[in-house]
Amino acid sequence: MAGEIALRAADEAGVVRVTLRHDGRLNAMTRAMWRELRTVFERIQRSADARCVLVEGAGEAFCAGGDISEYPAFRFDAARLRAFHEVEVWGGLSAMLACDAPIVVAIRGACMGAGVEIACCGDIRLAEEGARFGAPIARLGFPMAPREAALVASRVGDATARQMLLAAATFDARALHAGGFLSEVLAPQALGERAEKTARHIAALAPQAARMNKRTLRAISEQNTAPALAGQAQAAMVSGMEDAYAYADSSEHREGIEAFLAKRRPRF
């Protein structure tokens, strides 16, 4: 199975289910799945029946990251790499961020890289005790794209983001709960029931108020980040975005991905 973003239409309570599914790959995101994520959330945004969205991974993982088996086909060309991050990945994430219906994310098992980014787009994040979080792409020889890094840092906090990206650190659920990223940490057998109950509780509340609250919170978030992007800081970020994908054909980038696919230690 190539992977899919499964959408179950709103039930009688108004809860919509979105399931990340990629059997045998711990729900790793393919390029097609990123495009599908955007389509799914644009559809939810247009639905008057969607009162709350419950996002989860199929099986025993949330999402282990990107499907690295696809990477050699496009990542070593700067233009194609830019299109992947700025159109496909950011298209999916921005559609989630623009969704006015509240989003509850239920996380079990691996939540790495792309999984962390997707979880960052939720409003309420619940996780089982055994969940693990990180973005250890430094081991693969490439950085996180600028917009994605800004999103992650804004949700997990600067210190945690730096550990994830610079030290390839991974964290357990308790650590991210203490840092405010997770709303609750539950026993594995309790996660599904709690996520369902939370989504149904939200769906039973006033839907117009929920959507208006999300728009207000989105505006506040954008307002709070605007000063940090003023003047020289904004110019530096724009410059960084222009050069952000120049590493595409670098030997380090190739070595990281080739080593992972060959199941050997990279030689940087």
C-alpha atoms as a PDB file:
ATOM      1  CA  MET A   1       0.000   0.000   0.000  1.00  0.00           C
ATOM      2  CA  ALA A   2       1.393   3.379  -1.044  1.00  0.00           C
ATOM      3  CA  GLY A   3      -0.065   5.306   1.863  1.00  0.00           C
ATOM      4  CA  GLU A   4      -3.111   7.495   2.244  1.00  0.00           C
ATOM      5  CA  ILE A   5      -4.790  10.177   4.311  1.00  0.00           C
ATOM      6  CA  ALA A   6      -8.079   8.504   5.129  1.00  0.00           C
ATOM      7  CA  LEU A   7     -11.033  10.815   5.714  1.00  0.00           C
ATOM      8  CA  ARG A   8     -14.172   9.693   7.511  1.00  0.00           C
ATOM      9  CA  ALA A   9     -16.986  12.217   7.110  1.00  0.00           C
ATOM     10  CA  ALA A  10     -18.589  13.850  10.125  1.00  0.00           C
ATOM     11  CA  ASP A  11     -20.562  11.451  12.303  1.00  0.00           C
ATOM     12  CA  GLU A  12     -23.810  12.292  14.071  1.00  0.00           C
ATOM     13  CA  ALA A  13     -21.852  14.309  16.652  1.00  0.00           C
ATOM     14  CA  GLY A  14     -19.972  16.297  14.023  1.00  0.00           C
ATOM     15  CA  VAL A  15     -16.610  14.569  14.580  1.00  0.00           C
ATOM     16  CA  VAL A  16     -14.492  14.084  11.444  1.00  0.00           C
ATOM     17  CA  ARG A  17     -11.713  11.465  11.512  1.00  0.00           C
ATOM     18  CA  VAL A  18      -8.449  11.873   9.604  1.00  0.00           C
ATOM     19  CA  THR A  19      -6.113   8.873   9.680  1.00  0.00           C
ATOM     20  CA  LEU A  20      -2.504   8.803   8.507  1.00  0.00           C
ATOM     21  CA  ARG A  21      -2.003   5.359   7.005  1.00  0.00           C
ATOM     22  CA  HIS A  22       1.085   3.860   5.403  1.00  0.00           C
ATOM     23  CA  ASP A  23       1.282   0.196   6.263  1.00  0.00           C
ATOM     24  CA  GLY A  24       4.735  -1.194   6.915  1.00  0.00           C
ATOM     25  CA  ARG A  25       6.268   2.319   7.086  1.00  0.00           C
ATOM     26  CA  LEU A  26       4.936   3.540  10.449  1.00  0.00           C
ATOM     27  CA  ASN A  27       2.703   5.936   8.493  1.00  0.00           C
ATOM     28  CA  ALA A  28       5.657   7.789   6.941  1.00  0.00           C
ATOM     29  CA  MET A  29       4.467  10.590   4.682  1.00  0.00           C
ATOM     30  CA  THR A  30       4.858  10.207   0.930  1.00  0.00           C
ATOM     31  CA  ARG A  31       4.632  13.128  -1.478  1.00  0.00           C
ATOM     32  CA  ALA A  32       1.172  11.954  -2.501  1.00  0.00           C
ATOM     33  CA  MET A  33       0.094  11.881   1.144  1.00  0.00           C
ATOM     34  CA  TRP A  34       1.204  15.492   1.644  1.00  0.00           C
ATOM     35  CA  ARG A  35      -0.907  16.533  -1.354  1.00  0.00           C
ATOM     36  CA  GLU A  36      -3.798  14.475  -0.041  1.00  0.00           C
ATOM     37  CA  LEU A  37      -3.484  16.086   3.403  1.00  0.00           C
ATOM     38  CA  ARG A  38      -4.068  19.471   1.811  1.00  0.00           C
ATOM     39  CA  THR A  39      -7.077  18.233  -0.158  1.00  0.00           C
ATOM     40  CA  VAL A  40      -8.597  16.587   2.914  1.00  0.00           C
ATOM     41  CA  PHE A  41      -8.325  19.681   5.117  1.00  0.00           C
ATOM     42  CA  GLU A  42      -9.559  22.016   2.411  1.00  0.00           C
ATOM     43  CA  ARG A  43     -12.592  19.745   2.138  1.00  0.00           C
ATOM     44  CA  ILE A  44     -13.090  19.812   5.919  1.00  0.00           C
ATOM     45  CA  GLN A  45     -12.848  23.607   5.917  1.00  0.00           C
ATOM     46  CA  ARG A  46     -15.714  23.754   3.412  1.00  0.00           C
ATOM     47  CA  SER A  47     -17.888  21.345   5.414  1.00  0.00           C
ATOM     48  CA  ALA A  48     -20.592  22.862   7.583  1.00  0.00           C
ATOM     49  CA  ASP A  49     -20.971  19.516   9.380  1.00  0.00           C
ATOM     50  CA  ALA A  50     -17.403  19.397  10.739  1.00  0.00           C
ATOM     51  CA  ARG A  51     -17.480  20.464  14.387  1.00  0.00           C
ATOM     52  CA  CYS A  52     -14.205  18.820  15.443  1.00  0.00           C
ATOM     53  CA  VAL A  53     -11.448  16.902  13.654  1.00  0.00           C
ATOM     54  CA  LEU A  54      -9.696  13.914  15.232  1.00  0.00           C
ATOM     55  CA  VAL A  55      -6.300  13.181  13.663  1.00  0.00           C
ATOM     56  CA  GLU A  56      -4.562   9.877  14.385  1.00  0.00           C
ATOM     57  CA  GLY A  57      -2.152   7.378  12.901  1.00  0.00           C
ATOM     58  CA  ALA A  58      -3.121   3.873  11.865  1.00  0.00           C
ATOM     59  CA  GLY A  59      -1.770   1.014  13.971  1.00  0.00           C
ATOM     60  CA  GLU A  60       0.944   1.529  16.565  1.00  0.00           C
ATOM     61  CA  ALA A  61       2.502   4.777  15.296  1.00  0.00           C
ATOM     62  CA  PHE A  62       1.404   8.308  14.579  1.00  0.00           C
ATOM     63  CA  CYS A  63       3.922   9.140  11.843  1.00  0.00           C
ATOM     64  CA  ALA A  64       7.608   8.207  11.703  1.00  0.00           C
ATOM     65  CA  GLY A  65       8.541  11.099   9.371  1.00  0.00           C
ATOM     66  CA  GLY A  66       8.890  11.301   5.617  1.00  0.00           C
ATOM     67  CA  ASP A  67       9.133   8.278   3.331  1.00  0.00           C
ATOM     68  CA  ILE A  68      12.876   8.390   2.711  1.00  0.00           C
ATOM     69  CA  SER A  69      12.685   5.764  -0.018  1.00  0.00           C
ATOM     70  CA  GLU A  70      11.269   8.517  -2.270  1.00  0.00           C
ATOM     71  CA  TYR A  71      14.019  11.031  -1.530  1.00  0.00           C
ATOM     72  CA  PRO A  72      16.685  10.091  -4.119  1.00  0.00           C
ATOM     73  CA  ALA A  73      14.181  10.773  -6.908  1.00  0.00           C
ATOM     74  CA  PHE A  74      13.879  14.500  -6.172  1.00  0.00           C
ATOM     75  CA  ARG A  75      15.837  15.810  -3.175  1.00  0.00           C
ATOM     76  CA  PHE A  76      19.159  16.365  -4.984  1.00  0.00           C
ATOM     77  CA  ASP A  77      17.683  18.991  -7.330  1.00  0.00           C
ATOM     78  CA  ALA A  78      17.193  22.396  -5.683  1.00  0.00           C
ATOM     79  CA  ALA A  79      14.102  23.386  -7.678  1.00  0.00           C
ATOM     80  CA  ARG A  80      12.337  20.081  -7.049  1.00  0.00           C
ATOM     81  CA  LEU A  81      13.358  20.133  -3.398  1.00  0.00           C
ATOM     82  CA  ARG A  82      11.953  23.650  -3.004  1.00  0.00           C
ATOM     83  CA  ALA A  83       8.672  22.605  -4.641  1.00  0.00           C
ATOM     84  CA  PHE A  84       8.422  19.621  -2.304  1.00  0.00           C
ATOM     85  CA  HIS A  85       8.740  21.730   0.846  1.00  0.00           C
ATOM     86  CA  GLU A  86       7.069  24.969  -0.229  1.00  0.00           C
ATOM     87  CA  VAL A  87       4.182  23.485  -2.240  1.00  0.00           C
ATOM     88  CA  GLU A  88       3.568  19.914  -1.127  1.00  0.00           C
ATOM     89  CA  VAL A  89       4.593  19.863   2.537  1.00  0.00           C
ATOM     90  CA  TRP A  90       3.649  23.437   3.376  1.00  0.00           C
ATOM     91  CA  GLY A  91       0.460  23.072   1.348  1.00  0.00           C
ATOM     92  CA  GLY A  92      -0.660  20.274   3.651  1.00  0.00           C
ATOM     93  CA  LEU A  93       0.452  21.977   6.864  1.00  0.00           C
ATOM     94  CA  SER A  94      -1.027  25.351   5.949  1.00  0.00           C
ATOM     95  CA  ALA A  95      -4.371  23.732   5.114  1.00  0.00           C
ATOM     96  CA  MET A  96      -4.399  22.258   8.619  1.00  0.00           C
ATOM     97  CA  LEU A  97      -3.421  25.579  10.172  1.00  0.00           C
ATOM     98  CA  ALA A  98      -6.188  27.350   8.234  1.00  0.00           C
ATOM     99  CA  CYS A  99      -8.852  24.875   9.370  1.00  0.00           C
ATOM    100  CA  ASP A 100     -11.429  26.641  11.544  1.00  0.00           C
ATOM    101  CA  ALA A 101     -12.783  23.443  13.070  1.00  0.00           C
ATOM    102  CA  PRO A 102     -10.913  22.471  16.280  1.00  0.00           C
ATOM    103  CA  ILE A 103      -8.327  19.713  15.742  1.00  0.00           C
ATOM    104  CA  VAL A 104      -7.583  17.033  18.338  1.00  0.00           C
ATOM    105  CA  VAL A 105      -4.438  14.972  17.673  1.00  0.00           C
ATOM    106  CA  ALA A 106      -4.039  11.501  19.206  1.00  0.00           C
ATOM    107  CA  ILE A 107      -0.416  10.339  19.223  1.00  0.00           C
ATOM    108  CA  ARG A 108       0.924   6.865  19.861  1.00  0.00           C
ATOM    109  CA  GLY A 109       4.325   5.397  19.110  1.00  0.00           C
ATOM    110  CA  ALA A 110       6.655   7.241  16.746  1.00  0.00           C
ATOM    111  CA  CYS A 111       6.012  10.933  16.095  1.00  0.00           C
ATOM    112  CA  MET A 112       9.088  12.076  14.192  1.00  0.00           C
ATOM    113  CA  GLY A 113       9.869  14.798  11.671  1.00  0.00           C
ATOM    114  CA  ALA A 114       6.773  15.096   9.511  1.00  0.00           C
ATOM    115  CA  GLY A 115       4.757  13.634  12.374  1.00  0.00           C
ATOM    116  CA  VAL A 116       5.856  16.410  14.724  1.00  0.00           C
ATOM    117  CA  GLU A 117       5.012  19.013  12.072  1.00  0.00           C
ATOM    118  CA  ILE A 118       1.525  17.593  11.578  1.00  0.00           C
ATOM    119  CA  ALA A 119       0.962  17.372  15.338  1.00  0.00           C
ATOM    120  CA  CYS A 120       2.016  21.038  15.623  1.00  0.00           C
ATOM    121  CA  CYS A 121      -1.020  21.973  13.517  1.00  0.00           C
ATOM    122  CA  GLY A 122      -3.448  20.551  16.069  1.00  0.00           C
ATOM    123  CA  ASP A 123      -5.176  22.498  18.832  1.00  0.00           C
ATOM    124  CA  ILE A 124      -5.230  19.814  21.512  1.00  0.00           C
ATOM    125  CA  ARG A 125      -2.559  17.103  21.517  1.00  0.00           C
ATOM    126  CA  LEU A 126      -2.973  13.888  23.480  1.00  0.00           C
ATOM    127  CA  ALA A 127      -0.321  11.161  23.606  1.00  0.00           C
ATOM    128  CA  GLU A 128       0.211   7.743  25.089  1.00  0.00           C
ATOM    129  CA  GLU A 129       3.021   7.251  27.587  1.00  0.00           C
ATOM    130  CA  GLY A 130       5.173   5.353  25.107  1.00  0.00           C
ATOM    131  CA  ALA A 131       5.105   7.997  22.366  1.00  0.00           C
ATOM    132  CA  ARG A 132       8.452   9.374  21.170  1.00  0.00           C
ATOM    133  CA  PHE A 133       9.026  12.759  19.538  1.00  0.00           C
ATOM    134  CA  GLY A 134      11.862  14.270  17.529  1.00  0.00           C
ATOM    135  CA  ALA A 135      13.202  15.411  14.182  1.00  0.00           C
ATOM    136  CA  PRO A 136      16.580  13.645  13.904  1.00  0.00           C
ATOM    137  CA  ILE A 137      17.197  14.745  10.318  1.00  0.00           C
ATOM    138  CA  ALA A 138      20.713  15.910  11.207  1.00  0.00           C
ATOM    139  CA  ARG A 139      21.555  12.214  10.864  1.00  0.00           C
ATOM    140  CA  LEU A 140      20.282  12.375   7.279  1.00  0.00           C
ATOM    141  CA  GLY A 141      22.405  15.321   6.236  1.00  0.00           C
ATOM    142  CA  PHE A 142      19.745  17.981   5.721  1.00  0.00           C
ATOM    143  CA  PRO A 143      18.043  20.779   7.679  1.00  0.00           C
ATOM    144  CA  MET A 144      14.374  21.390   8.351  1.00  0.00           C
ATOM    145  CA  ALA A 145      12.802  23.773   5.855  1.00  0.00           C
ATOM    146  CA  PRO A 146      12.448  27.343   7.227  1.00  0.00           C
ATOM    147  CA  ARG A 147       8.652  27.526   7.506  1.00  0.00           C
ATOM    148  CA  GLU A 148       8.490  24.062   9.029  1.00  0.00           C
ATOM    149  CA  ALA A 149      11.215  24.918  11.556  1.00  0.00           C
ATOM    150  CA  ALA A 150       9.388  28.121  12.517  1.00  0.00           C
ATOM    151  CA  LEU A 151       6.183  26.146  13.055  1.00  0.00           C
ATOM    152  CA  VAL A 152       7.884  23.506  15.206  1.00  0.00           C
ATOM    153  CA  ALA A 153       9.791  26.062  17.298  1.00  0.00           C
ATOM    154  CA  SER A 154       6.601  28.047  17.909  1.00  0.00           C
ATOM    155  CA  ARG A 155       4.870  24.950  19.305  1.00  0.00           C
ATOM    156  CA  VAL A 156       7.536  22.917  21.126  1.00  0.00           C
ATOM    157  CA  GLY A 157       9.590  25.921  22.253  1.00  0.00           C
ATOM    158  CA  ASP A 158      12.974  27.228  21.184  1.00  0.00           C
ATOM    159  CA  ALA A 159      15.104  25.088  23.500  1.00  0.00           C
ATOM    160  CA  THR A 160      13.377  21.837  22.561  1.00  0.00           C
ATOM    161  CA  ALA A 161      13.468  22.693  18.849  1.00  0.00           C
ATOM    162  CA  ARG A 162      17.208  23.353  19.059  1.00  0.00           C
ATOM    163  CA  GLN A 163      17.791  20.002  20.741  1.00  0.00           C
ATOM    164  CA  MET A 164      15.672  18.239  18.133  1.00  0.00           C
ATOM    165  CA  LEU A 165      17.388  19.853  15.153  1.00  0.00           C
ATOM    166  CA  LEU A 166      20.966  20.387  16.345  1.00  0.00           C
ATOM    167  CA  ALA A 167      21.474  17.329  18.568  1.00  0.00           C
ATOM    168  CA  ALA A 168      18.980  14.974  16.874  1.00  0.00           C
ATOM    169  CA  ALA A 169      17.449  14.542  20.336  1.00  0.00           C
ATOM    170  CA  THR A 170      14.249  12.609  20.895  1.00  0.00           C
ATOM    171  CA  PHE A 171      11.819  13.145  23.749  1.00  0.00           C
ATOM    172  CA  ASP A 172       9.258  11.083  25.577  1.00  0.00           C
ATOM    173  CA  ALA A 173       5.687  12.203  26.105  1.00  0.00           C
ATOM    174  CA  ARG A 174       6.226  13.270  29.703  1.00  0.00           C
ATOM    175  CA  ALA A 175       8.946  15.718  28.701  1.00  0.00           C
ATOM    176  CA  LEU A 176       6.793  17.356  26.042  1.00  0.00           C
ATOM    177  CA  HIS A 177       3.827  17.486  28.387  1.00  0.00           C
ATOM    178  CA  ALA A 178       5.987  19.314  30.925  1.00  0.00           C
ATOM    179  CA  GLY A 179       6.996  21.741  28.191  1.00  0.00           C
ATOM    180  CA  GLY A 180       3.388  22.470  27.263  1.00  0.00           C
ATOM    181  CA  PHE A 181       3.306  20.785  23.853  1.00  0.00           C
ATOM    182  CA  LEU A 182       0.963  18.004  24.974  1.00  0.00           C
ATOM    183  CA  SER A 183      -2.315  18.555  26.793  1.00  0.00           C
ATOM    184  CA  GLU A 184      -2.398  15.102  28.352  1.00  0.00           C
ATOM    185  CA  VAL A 185      -0.359  11.889  28.570  1.00  0.00           C
ATOM    186  CA  LEU A 186      -2.355   8.699  28.944  1.00  0.00           C
ATOM    187  CA  ALA A 187      -1.882   4.983  29.332  1.00  0.00           C
ATOM    188  CA  PRO A 188      -1.843   3.281  25.896  1.00  0.00           C
ATOM    189  CA  GLN A 189      -5.196   1.610  26.413  1.00  0.00           C
ATOM    190  CA  ALA A 190      -6.791   4.911  27.428  1.00  0.00           C
ATOM    191  CA  LEU A 191      -5.658   7.117  24.533  1.00  0.00           C
ATOM    192  CA  GLY A 192      -8.325   6.179  21.992  1.00  0.00           C
ATOM    193  CA  GLU A 193     -11.209   6.572  24.394  1.00  0.00           C
ATOM    194  CA  ARG A 194      -9.894   9.879  25.741  1.00  0.00           C
ATOM    195  CA  ALA A 195      -9.324  11.307  22.262  1.00  0.00           C
ATOM    196  CA  GLU A 196     -12.817  10.283  21.186  1.00  0.00           C
ATOM    197  CA  LYS A 197     -14.351  11.756  24.338  1.00  0.00           C
ATOM    198  CA  THR A 198     -12.434  15.022  23.907  1.00  0.00           C
ATOM    199  CA  ALA A 199     -13.480  15.374  20.264  1.00  0.00           C
ATOM    200  CA  ARG A 200     -17.117  14.672  21.087  1.00  0.00           C
ATOM    201  CA  HIS A 201     -17.058  17.124  23.994  1.00  0.00           C
ATOM    202  CA  ILE A 202     -15.738  19.872  21.712  1.00  0.00           C
ATOM    203  CA  ALA A 203     -18.209  18.962  18.975  1.00  0.00           C
ATOM    204  CA  ALA A 204     -21.100  19.380  21.435  1.00  0.00           C
ATOM    205  CA  LEU A 205     -20.140  22.990  22.137  1.00  0.00           C
ATOM    206  CA  ALA A 206     -21.125  26.004  20.036  1.00  0.00           C
ATOM    207  CA  PRO A 207     -19.520  25.467  16.596  1.00  0.00           C
ATOM    208  CA  GLN A 208     -19.644  29.117  15.502  1.00  0.00           C
ATOM    209  CA  ALA A 209     -17.867  30.188  18.695  1.00  0.00           C
ATOM    210  CA  ALA A 210     -15.206  27.531  18.183  1.00  0.00           C
ATOM    211  CA  ARG A 211     -14.501  28.693  14.641  1.00  0.00           C
ATOM    212  CA  MET A 212     -14.373  32.329  15.708  1.00  0.00           C
ATOM    213  CA  ASN A 213     -12.035  31.460  18.578  1.00  0.00           C
ATOM    214  CA  LYS A 214      -9.705  29.681  16.176  1.00  0.00           C
ATOM    215  CA  ARG A 215      -9.618  32.690  13.859  1.00  0.00           C
ATOM    216  CA  THR A 216      -8.855  34.959  16.822  1.00  0.00           C
ATOM    217  CA  LEU A 217      -6.099  32.677  18.136  1.00  0.00           C
ATOM    218  CA  ARG A 218      -4.613  32.440  14.636  1.00  0.00           C
ATOM    219  CA  ALA A 219      -4.565  36.235  14.343  1.00  0.00           C
ATOM    220  CA  ILE A 220      -2.934  36.558  17.778  1.00  0.00           C
ATOM    221  CA  SER A 221      -0.282  34.023  16.845  1.00  0.00           C
ATOM    222  CA  GLU A 222       0.485  35.848  13.602  1.00  0.00           C
ATOM    223  CA  GLN A 223       0.595  39.191  15.420  1.00  0.00           C
ATOM    224  CA  ASN A 224       3.006  37.843  18.029  1.00  0.00           C
ATOM    225  CA  THR A 225       5.411  36.532  15.406  1.00  0.00           C
ATOM    226  CA  ALA A 226       5.321  39.681  13.272  1.00  0.00           C
ATOM    227  CA  PRO A 227       7.674  41.795  15.440  1.00  0.00           C
ATOM    228  CA  ALA A 228      10.315  39.069  15.284  1.00  0.00           C
ATOM    229  CA  LEU A 229      10.261  39.305  11.501  1.00  0.00           C
ATOM    230  CA  ALA A 230      10.601  43.078  11.301  1.00  0.00           C
ATOM    231  CA  GLY A 231      13.465  44.938   9.669  1.00  0.00           C
ATOM    232  CA  GLN A 232      16.781  43.111   9.497  1.00  0.00           C
ATOM    233  CA  ALA A 233      15.311  39.899  10.929  1.00  0.00           C
ATOM    234  CA  GLN A 234      12.745  39.753   8.129  1.00  0.00           C
ATOM    235  CA  ALA A 235      15.385  40.462   5.490  1.00  0.00           C
ATOM    236  CA  ALA A 236      17.579  37.721   6.911  1.00  0.00           C
ATOM    237  CA  MET A 237      14.725  35.220   6.828  1.00  0.00           C
ATOM    238  CA  VAL A 238      13.852  36.106   3.238  1.00  0.00           C
ATOM    239  CA  SER A 239      17.508  35.679   2.287  1.00  0.00           C
ATOM    240  CA  GLY A 240      17.595  32.399   4.154  1.00  0.00           C
ATOM    241  CA  MET A 241      14.510  31.191   2.300  1.00  0.00           C
ATOM    242  CA  GLU A 242      16.157  32.018  -1.021  1.00  0.00           C
ATOM    243  CA  ASP A 243      19.208  29.930  -0.113  1.00  0.00           C
ATOM    244  CA  ALA A 244      17.361  27.330   1.924  1.00  0.00           C
ATOM    245  CA  TYR A 245      17.524  24.630  -0.739  1.00  0.00           C
ATOM    246  CA  ALA A 246      20.982  25.282  -2.163  1.00  0.00           C
ATOM    247  CA  TYR A 247      22.244  22.224  -0.277  1.00  0.00           C
ATOM    248  CA  ALA A 248      20.242  19.887  -2.538  1.00  0.00           C
ATOM    249  CA  ASP A 249      23.185  18.499  -4.516  1.00  0.00           C
ATOM    250  CA  SER A 250      25.708  18.607  -1.657  1.00  0.00           C
ATOM    251  CA  SER A 251      27.768  15.554  -0.814  1.00  0.00           C
ATOM    252  CA  GLU A 252      26.585  15.708   2.799  1.00  0.00           C
ATOM    253  CA  HIS A 253      22.944  15.573   1.742  1.00  0.00           C
ATOM    254  CA  ARG A 254      23.569  12.636  -0.586  1.00  0.00           C
ATOM    255  CA  GLU A 255      25.626  10.771   1.999  1.00  0.00           C
ATOM    256  CA  GLY A 256      22.976  11.092   4.710  1.00  0.00           C
ATOM    257  CA  ILE A 257      20.164   9.727   2.568  1.00  0.00           C
ATOM    258  CA  GLU A 258      22.266   7.050   0.868  1.00  0.00           C
ATOM    259  CA  ALA A 259      23.556   5.819   4.246  1.00  0.00           C
ATOM    260  CA  PHE A 260      20.045   5.594   5.663  1.00  0.00           C
ATOM    261  CA  LEU A 261      18.768   3.633   2.690  1.00  0.00           C
ATOM    262  CA  ALA A 262      21.822   1.354   2.831  1.00  0.00           C
ATOM    263  CA  LYS A 263      21.289   0.907   6.596  1.00  0.00           C
ATOM    264  CA  ARG A 264      24.793   2.035   7.461  1.00  0.00           C
ATOM    265  CA  ARG A 265      26.259   4.829   9.555  1.00  0.00           C
ATOM    266  CA  PRO A 266      26.754   8.045   7.551  1.00  0.00           C
ATOM    267  CA  ARG A 267      30.276   9.431   7.087  1.00  0.00           C
ATOM    268  CA  PHE A 268      29.976  13.214   7.311  1.00  0.00           C
END
